[in-house]
């Protein structure tokens, strides 16, 4: 590939963003030039995600415009409504990319409905259905570091796009020249309209409609951090609605800031991101610490540990806790539907299965990605049975208890966590006590995720080689455990869409799963073990982790 020619082309034509002009003029290192131009930024099953900057393999107005032109071309070939809802988060250039998305859509005769300020991703899923749109776009890189941004595309059902829709949009994107092949309307085009306040109010009301019978006590206290993202408005609104009167917001992380100055990796799964909140807990002594990621679709928590400190609750623990809480309280209230359905993913904890068996709930497993959980809600809705859906969760801190949206919803999850904490508090228990009670009843399940980064083109080849090797010469023993069953999710026999995932079921109930990330240059290994005690299960996970480290070299 002639990288010098591509660089010259971009220097000549990428002149509308001063930051890009400066970057391009400073490019001299051949390896850096290659990394920026060796491929088009990949449009995956959910859209784009990449480092912000100049080049075909970067997030910038030209790659955003090209993707949007492809989306517009696809929409014009369908009978879907010719309008698109758009939202954005606090990341660097998110508002800029959102406006450019609207300009391209309007330039193609498509109505662009744009939230007038940054809002959570689930509010975009809601807006697509509320406004009757043919698609939606959310400009966000979720919980990635500040150098990243992204572009998630939603279908008319409010779910992230299906594999088929993604393939069709990708085909259209491939036909577009990012400089000469894009139709642009002016920023003040009549086809660019603000999403009305009534839409956001209706979203918050829809979340509130899912609240349970528990009302937090007068002195119930919450510390909350939006991690410099979008959650502040909607989360504080819903907490006020359910009666939480004492909410202390972490001041350093309250305002939107795409640089994420206090948490370089703004992911509530990571202790560092929650550290400011944990420090504030030492002063406020709340019943619960809540944290939402920058686009407010993931929620993390910490609860009193009984020793004067606070203990973080993992995504799997919170998923099982909320599943049990919903089943427990709905059964007691007589509101459990006939033939209830819960949904989780193949990489999430196996502990959900015995909980569902206890309450007579059908548990459905999907591929990784909350859109597949949303798809199950859609299937139930298509047969007039959406009320059967009671809860869905994934290990990566995504939760949803209603059919109001088709994506994980940290506004909904924050409400649920407060209600569950209030429920157990009135019974003399913390959420940590509740988790321990579940472990005693169902077994001590422990899960771990190991990620291995491989940067650049060589890294992509390395990831492919690792997966090919595991398929062609798969191990018979992992960490001393015999491999009892292998599932290759690229095999259609699984009944799920094909996916580049390998699952190894091991003797003793352990599980070892390998999956390349769909959004980052990483390969992920999901580990699961169950033991008679927490210490036993953790020791098993450590052994599995050591095996993963050795295998992913």
Foldseek 3Di string as FASTA:
>chain_A
DPLVVVLVVCCVFVDPDVQQVVVSVPDDDPVVSCQQEVDAQDQFLFGGKAFDYDHRNHDDLLSLQLLLLLVLVVVVVDPAQQEEEEAEKLAVCRVVSRLSSQFQSVLSVGAYAYAPHHAFLQLQLLCLQVVRGQKYWYWAPWQAFRRMITIGMGGSNSFTHDPVSSVSSVVSSVVADSRPRTGGHDSPDPSYHYDDPVSVVVVLVVLLVPFADFAFDQPAAEEEAALLMHCQPSQVVNCVVSHHDHYHYLVVRHHHDSNSVQARRCALQDVSNCVSVQVVCLVVVHQKYWYATRSAQFIWIWGDPVPSGIDTAFQLLLQQLLVLVQLVRCVVVVNQDPAAEEEEEPLHDPLNVVSCVVSVHHYYYAHPFLSRVLVVLVVCVVVVRSSSYAKYGYRRRFIDGHNSGSGGHNSSVSSSQSRSQRVVVVVVDGSVRVSVVSCQVRFQKDKDKDKDAQDGPVLLVLLVVLLVCCVVPNDQDFLRWGFPDKDQQLDCVVVHHRFRKIWTQTPQGKIWMWHQDSHHSIIMIMIMHTDRDNVVRVVVRVSNVVRVVVSSD
